[in-house]
Amino acid sequence: MATKEDIDAYRRQVYEALVQLRGGDTLDEAGRKELKDILASFTDHELEFGMPFNTAEEMARMLLEG
């Protein structure tokens, strides 16, 4: 079982991967908020379940595809 700190770190890594996939530094605040909202729709439990199977980058790609 992952700790809260592990899950929070994974969530931050997924967010950073989302930002990079959507344009990195060129992404405006509205775009960043949209990505935060997408990521916030997943509970810690849901993220923890996927952590052993998906890198943060893989998870970010899946979130943008869905």
PDB file of N, CA and C in Angstrom:
ATOM      1  N   MET A   1       0.839  -1.178   0.000  1.00  0.00           N
ATOM      2  CA  MET A   1       0.000   0.000   0.000  1.00  0.00           C
ATOM      3  C   MET A   1       0.888   1.247   0.000  1.00  0.00           C
ATOM      4  N   ALA A   2       0.574   2.160  -0.876  1.00  0.00           N
ATOM      5  CA  ALA A   2       1.345   3.397  -0.999  1.00  0.00           C
ATOM      6  C   ALA A   2       0.959   4.368   0.120  1.00  0.00           C
ATOM      7  N   THR A   3       1.899   5.197   0.494  1.00  0.00           N
ATOM      8  CA  THR A   3       1.613   6.219   1.499  1.00  0.00           C
ATOM      9  C   THR A   3       0.953   7.421   0.822  1.00  0.00           C
ATOM     10  N   LYS A   4       0.361   8.273   1.624  1.00  0.00           N
ATOM     11  CA  LYS A   4      -0.250   9.510   1.115  1.00  0.00           C
ATOM     12  C   LYS A   4       0.807  10.346   0.390  1.00  0.00           C
ATOM     13  N   GLU A   5       2.014  10.356   0.917  1.00  0.00           N
ATOM     14  CA  GLU A   5       3.098  11.120   0.294  1.00  0.00           C
ATOM     15  C   GLU A   5       3.446  10.547  -1.086  1.00  0.00           C
ATOM     16  N   ASP A   6       3.446   9.214  -1.197  1.00  0.00           N
ATOM     17  CA  ASP A   6       3.714   8.571  -2.486  1.00  0.00           C
ATOM     18  C   ASP A   6       2.642   8.932  -3.509  1.00  0.00           C
ATOM     19  N   ILE A   7       1.401   8.887  -3.075  1.00  0.00           N
ATOM     20  CA  ILE A   7       0.276   9.200  -3.972  1.00  0.00           C
ATOM     21  C   ILE A   7       0.330  10.669  -4.384  1.00  0.00           C
ATOM     22  N   ASP A   8       0.605  11.552  -3.436  1.00  0.00           N
ATOM     23  CA  ASP A   8       0.713  12.987  -3.750  1.00  0.00           C
ATOM     24  C   ASP A   8       1.849  13.243  -4.734  1.00  0.00           C
ATOM     25  N   ALA A   9       2.971  12.563  -4.552  1.00  0.00           N
ATOM     26  CA  ALA A   9       4.111  12.725  -5.462  1.00  0.00           C
ATOM     27  C   ALA A   9       3.741  12.228  -6.857  1.00  0.00           C
ATOM     28  N   TYR A  10       3.055  11.105  -6.936  1.00  0.00           N
ATOM     29  CA  TYR A  10       2.610  10.563  -8.226  1.00  0.00           C
ATOM     30  C   TYR A  10       1.640  11.529  -8.898  1.00  0.00           C
ATOM     31  N   ARG A  11       0.700  12.075  -8.114  1.00  0.00           N
ATOM     32  CA  ARG A  11      -0.267  13.041  -8.656  1.00  0.00           C
ATOM     33  C   ARG A  11       0.468  14.256  -9.243  1.00  0.00           C
ATOM     34  N   ARG A  12       1.490  14.743  -8.546  1.00  0.00           N
ATOM     35  CA  ARG A  12       2.277  15.882  -9.052  1.00  0.00           C
ATOM     36  C   ARG A  12       3.014  15.507 -10.337  1.00  0.00           C
ATOM     37  N   GLN A  13       3.559  14.302 -10.385  1.00  0.00           N
ATOM     38  CA  GLN A  13       4.265  13.853 -11.582  1.00  0.00           C
ATOM     39  C   GLN A  13       3.309  13.718 -12.766  1.00  0.00           C
ATOM     40  N   VAL A  14       2.122  13.205 -12.508  1.00  0.00           N
ATOM     41  CA  VAL A  14       1.124  13.087 -13.581  1.00  0.00           C
ATOM     42  C   VAL A  14       0.735  14.476 -14.068  1.00  0.00           C
ATOM     43  N   TYR A  15       0.532  15.409 -13.141  1.00  0.00           N
ATOM     44  CA  TYR A  15       0.179  16.776 -13.528  1.00  0.00           C
ATOM     45  C   TYR A  15       1.276  17.398 -14.398  1.00  0.00           C
ATOM     46  N   GLU A  16       2.518  17.255 -14.001  1.00  0.00           N
ATOM     47  CA  GLU A  16       3.621  17.810 -14.782  1.00  0.00           C
ATOM     48  C   GLU A  16       3.689  17.162 -16.174  1.00  0.00           C
ATOM     49  N   ALA A  17       3.429  15.873 -16.239  1.00  0.00           N
ATOM     50  CA  ALA A  17       3.401  15.191 -17.545  1.00  0.00           C
ATOM     51  C   ALA A  17       2.246  15.712 -18.390  1.00  0.00           C
ATOM     52  N   LEU A  18       1.099  15.956 -17.774  1.00  0.00           N
ATOM     53  CA  LEU A  18      -0.046  16.524 -18.505  1.00  0.00           C
ATOM     54  C   LEU A  18       0.313  17.892 -19.081  1.00  0.00           C
ATOM     55  N   VAL A  19       0.947  18.716 -18.261  1.00  0.00           N
ATOM     56  CA  VAL A  19       1.345  20.059 -18.712  1.00  0.00           C
ATOM     57  C   VAL A  19       2.283  19.942 -19.913  1.00  0.00           C
ATOM     58  N   GLN A  20       3.258  19.061 -19.826  1.00  0.00           N
ATOM     59  CA  GLN A  20       4.212  18.912 -20.932  1.00  0.00           C
ATOM     60  C   GLN A  20       3.513  18.429 -22.199  1.00  0.00           C
ATOM     61  N   LEU A  21       2.576  17.507 -22.059  1.00  0.00           N
ATOM     62  CA  LEU A  21       1.850  17.002 -23.232  1.00  0.00           C
ATOM     63  C   LEU A  21       0.956  18.059 -23.863  1.00  0.00           C
ATOM     64  N   ARG A  22       0.533  19.041 -23.080  1.00  0.00           N
ATOM     65  CA  ARG A  22      -0.347  20.096 -23.574  1.00  0.00           C
ATOM     66  C   ARG A  22       0.376  21.386 -23.928  1.00  0.00           C
ATOM     67  N   GLY A  23       1.694  21.380 -23.959  1.00  0.00           N
ATOM     68  CA  GLY A  23       2.393  22.568 -24.418  1.00  0.00           C
ATOM     69  C   GLY A  23       3.409  23.140 -23.467  1.00  0.00           C
ATOM     70  N   GLY A  24       3.543  22.552 -22.294  1.00  0.00           N
ATOM     71  CA  GLY A  24       4.568  23.012 -21.363  1.00  0.00           C
ATOM     72  C   GLY A  24       4.381  24.449 -20.927  1.00  0.00           C
ATOM     73  N   ASP A  25       5.439  25.227 -21.039  1.00  0.00           N
ATOM     74  CA  ASP A  25       5.428  26.615 -20.581  1.00  0.00           C
ATOM     75  C   ASP A  25       4.461  27.502 -21.353  1.00  0.00           C
ATOM     76  N   THR A  26       4.034  27.071 -22.527  1.00  0.00           N
ATOM     77  CA  THR A  26       3.108  27.889 -23.312  1.00  0.00           C
ATOM     78  C   THR A  26       1.660  27.723 -22.849  1.00  0.00           C
ATOM     79  N   LEU A  27       1.396  26.769 -21.960  1.00  0.00           N
ATOM     80  CA  LEU A  27       0.037  26.512 -21.486  1.00  0.00           C
ATOM     81  C   LEU A  27      -0.415  27.641 -20.566  1.00  0.00           C
ATOM     82  N   ASP A  28      -1.577  28.197 -20.842  1.00  0.00           N
ATOM     83  CA  ASP A  28      -2.081  29.305 -20.027  1.00  0.00           C
ATOM     84  C   ASP A  28      -2.776  28.782 -18.764  1.00  0.00           C
ATOM     85  N   GLU A  29      -3.192  29.700 -17.902  1.00  0.00           N
ATOM     86  CA  GLU A  29      -3.810  29.330 -16.621  1.00  0.00           C
ATOM     87  C   GLU A  29      -5.100  28.538 -16.816  1.00  0.00           C
ATOM     88  N   ALA A  30      -5.885  28.890 -17.815  1.00  0.00           N
ATOM     89  CA  ALA A  30      -7.121  28.150 -18.076  1.00  0.00           C
ATOM     90  C   ALA A  30      -6.805  26.706 -18.454  1.00  0.00           C
ATOM     91  N   GLY A  31      -5.787  26.521 -19.246  1.00  0.00           N
ATOM     92  CA  GLY A  31      -5.369  25.180 -19.629  1.00  0.00           C
ATOM     93  C   GLY A  31      -4.853  24.391 -18.447  1.00  0.00           C
ATOM     94  N   ARG A  32      -4.105  25.056 -17.581  1.00  0.00           N
ATOM     95  CA  ARG A  32      -3.590  24.391 -16.381  1.00  0.00           C
ATOM     96  C   ARG A  32      -4.730  24.008 -15.437  1.00  0.00           C
ATOM     97  N   LYS A  33      -5.721  24.884 -15.320  1.00  0.00           N
ATOM     98  CA  LYS A  33      -6.877  24.581 -14.463  1.00  0.00           C
ATOM     99  C   LYS A  33      -7.631  23.382 -15.012  1.00  0.00           C
ATOM    100  N   GLU A  34      -7.800  23.315 -16.322  1.00  0.00           N
ATOM    101  CA  GLU A  34      -8.483  22.179 -16.934  1.00  0.00           C
ATOM    102  C   GLU A  34      -7.756  20.874 -16.593  1.00  0.00           C
ATOM    103  N   LEU A  35      -6.437  20.894 -16.667  1.00  0.00           N
ATOM    104  CA  LEU A  35      -5.661  19.692 -16.350  1.00  0.00           C
ATOM    105  C   LEU A  35      -5.779  19.328 -14.873  1.00  0.00           C
ATOM    106  N   LYS A  36      -5.771  20.335 -14.004  1.00  0.00           N
ATOM    107  CA  LYS A  36      -5.947  20.069 -12.574  1.00  0.00           C
ATOM    108  C   LYS A  36      -7.315  19.461 -12.303  1.00  0.00           C
ATOM    109  N   ASP A  37      -8.334  19.958 -13.013  1.00  0.00           N
ATOM    110  CA  ASP A  37      -9.686  19.427 -12.849  1.00  0.00           C
ATOM    111  C   ASP A  37      -9.776  17.980 -13.317  1.00  0.00           C
ATOM    112  N   ILE A  38      -9.130  17.668 -14.424  1.00  0.00           N
ATOM    113  CA  ILE A  38      -9.116  16.285 -14.920  1.00  0.00           C
ATOM    114  C   ILE A  38      -8.477  15.389 -13.876  1.00  0.00           C
ATOM    115  N   LEU A  39      -7.349  15.797 -13.365  1.00  0.00           N
ATOM    116  CA  LEU A  39      -6.626  14.987 -12.389  1.00  0.00           C
ATOM    117  C   LEU A  39      -7.397  14.892 -11.073  1.00  0.00           C
ATOM    118  N   ALA A  40      -8.076  15.961 -10.686  1.00  0.00           N
ATOM    119  CA  ALA A  40      -8.840  15.963  -9.437  1.00  0.00           C
ATOM    120  C   ALA A  40     -10.032  15.016  -9.496  1.00  0.00           C
ATOM    121  N   SER A  41     -10.439  14.635 -10.690  1.00  0.00           N
ATOM    122  CA  SER A  41     -11.577  13.718 -10.809  1.00  0.00           C
ATOM    123  C   SER A  41     -11.203  12.295 -10.398  1.00  0.00           C
ATOM    124  N   PHE A  42      -9.925  12.040 -10.146  1.00  0.00           N
ATOM    125  CA  PHE A  42      -9.461  10.731  -9.711  1.00  0.00           C
ATOM    126  C   PHE A  42      -9.130  10.771  -8.229  1.00  0.00           C
ATOM    127  N   THR A  43      -9.668   9.810  -7.500  1.00  0.00           N
ATOM    128  CA  THR A  43      -9.391   9.729  -6.068  1.00  0.00           C
ATOM    129  C   THR A  43      -7.975   9.215  -5.840  1.00  0.00           C
ATOM    130  N   ASP A  44      -7.498   9.402  -4.618  1.00  0.00           N
ATOM    131  CA  ASP A  44      -6.197   8.852  -4.260  1.00  0.00           C
ATOM    132  C   ASP A  44      -6.194   7.339  -4.461  1.00  0.00           C
ATOM    133  N   HIS A  45      -7.295   6.689  -4.095  1.00  0.00           N
ATOM    134  CA  HIS A  45      -7.387   5.237  -4.240  1.00  0.00           C
ATOM    135  C   HIS A  45      -7.268   4.819  -5.706  1.00  0.00           C
ATOM    136  N   GLU A  46      -7.920   5.545  -6.592  1.00  0.00           N
ATOM    137  CA  GLU A  46      -7.851   5.220  -8.021  1.00  0.00           C
ATOM    138  C   GLU A  46      -6.429   5.396  -8.555  1.00  0.00           C
ATOM    139  N   LEU A  47      -5.785   6.469  -8.152  1.00  0.00           N
ATOM    140  CA  LEU A  47      -4.401   6.685  -8.589  1.00  0.00           C
ATOM    141  C   LEU A  47      -3.480   5.615  -8.008  1.00  0.00           C
ATOM    142  N   GLU A  48      -3.668   5.289  -6.742  1.00  0.00           N
ATOM    143  CA  GLU A  48      -2.831   4.277  -6.107  1.00  0.00           C
ATOM    144  C   GLU A  48      -2.961   2.941  -6.829  1.00  0.00           C
ATOM    145  N   PHE A  49      -4.165   2.606  -7.246  1.00  0.00           N
ATOM    146  CA  PHE A  49      -4.385   1.344  -7.946  1.00  0.00           C
ATOM    147  C   PHE A  49      -3.543   1.257  -9.218  1.00  0.00           C
ATOM    148  N   GLY A  50      -3.417   2.372  -9.953  1.00  0.00           N
ATOM    149  CA  GLY A  50      -2.686   2.369 -11.209  1.00  0.00           C
ATOM    150  C   GLY A  50      -1.191   2.572 -11.091  1.00  0.00           C
ATOM    151  N   MET A  51      -0.728   3.035  -9.936  1.00  0.00           N
ATOM    152  CA  MET A  51       0.686   3.368  -9.772  1.00  0.00           C
ATOM    153  C   MET A  51       1.648   2.231 -10.120  1.00  0.00           C
ATOM    154  N   PRO A  52       1.377   0.988  -9.706  1.00  0.00           N
ATOM    155  CA  PRO A  52       2.329  -0.078 -10.021  1.00  0.00           C
ATOM    156  C   PRO A  52       2.374  -0.443 -11.511  1.00  0.00           C
ATOM    157  N   PHE A  53       1.360  -0.030 -12.249  1.00  0.00           N
ATOM    158  CA  PHE A  53       1.223  -0.467 -13.637  1.00  0.00           C
ATOM    159  C   PHE A  53       1.520   0.611 -14.670  1.00  0.00           C
ATOM    160  N   ASN A  54       1.446   1.892 -14.264  1.00  0.00           N
ATOM    161  CA  ASN A  54       1.580   2.994 -15.217  1.00  0.00           C
ATOM    162  C   ASN A  54       2.542   4.053 -14.694  1.00  0.00           C
ATOM    163  N   THR A  55       3.467   4.470 -15.543  1.00  0.00           N
ATOM    164  CA  THR A  55       4.301   5.614 -15.178  1.00  0.00           C
ATOM    165  C   THR A  55       3.417   6.853 -15.186  1.00  0.00           C
ATOM    166  N   ALA A  56       3.910   7.927 -14.614  1.00  0.00           N
ATOM    167  CA  ALA A  56       3.157   9.181 -14.614  1.00  0.00           C
ATOM    168  C   ALA A  56       2.875   9.633 -16.044  1.00  0.00           C
ATOM    169  N   GLU A  57       3.826   9.441 -16.934  1.00  0.00           N
ATOM    170  CA  GLU A  57       3.651   9.845 -18.334  1.00  0.00           C
ATOM    171  C   GLU A  57       2.575   8.998 -19.017  1.00  0.00           C
ATOM    172  N   GLU A  58       2.564   7.702 -18.740  1.00  0.00           N
ATOM    173  CA  GLU A  58       1.534   6.841 -19.314  1.00  0.00           C
ATOM    174  C   GLU A  58       0.152   7.228 -18.820  1.00  0.00           C
ATOM    175  N   MET A  59       0.060   7.503 -17.522  1.00  0.00           N
ATOM    176  CA  MET A  59      -1.221   7.923 -16.950  1.00  0.00           C
ATOM    177  C   MET A  59      -1.679   9.233 -17.569  1.00  0.00           C
ATOM    178  N   ALA A  60      -0.774  10.174 -17.756  1.00  0.00           N
ATOM    179  CA  ALA A  60      -1.134  11.459 -18.364  1.00  0.00           C
ATOM    180  C   ALA A  60      -1.682  11.255 -19.772  1.00  0.00           C
ATOM    181  N   ARG A  61      -1.030  10.407 -20.552  1.00  0.00           N
ATOM    182  CA  ARG A  61      -1.519  10.134 -21.914  1.00  0.00           C
ATOM    183  C   ARG A  61      -2.911   9.528 -21.881  1.00  0.00           C
ATOM    184  N   MET A  62      -3.138   8.590 -20.968  1.00  0.00           N
ATOM    185  CA  MET A  62      -4.458   7.964 -20.859  1.00  0.00           C
ATOM    186  C   MET A  62      -5.524   8.978 -20.466  1.00  0.00           C
ATOM    187  N   LEU A  63      -5.185   9.890 -19.563  1.00  0.00           N
ATOM    188  CA  LEU A  63      -6.155  10.890 -19.147  1.00  0.00           C
ATOM    189  C   LEU A  63      -6.534  11.822 -20.284  1.00  0.00           C
ATOM    190  N   LEU A  64      -5.583  12.150 -21.115  1.00  0.00           N
ATOM    191  CA  LEU A  64      -5.865  13.044 -22.244  1.00  0.00           C
ATOM    192  C   LEU A  64      -6.615  12.340 -23.361  1.00  0.00           C
ATOM    193  N   GLU A  65      -6.478  11.029 -23.447  1.00  0.00           N
ATOM    194  CA  GLU A  65      -7.194  10.268 -24.466  1.00  0.00           C
ATOM    195  C   GLU A  65      -8.653  10.070 -24.096  1.00  0.00           C
ATOM    196  N   GLY A  66      -8.928  10.010 -22.796  1.00  0.00           N
ATOM    197  CA  GLY A  66     -10.270   9.675 -22.305  1.00  0.00           C
ATOM    198  C   GLY A  66     -11.225  10.762 -22.324  1.00  0.00           C
TER     199      GLY A  66
END
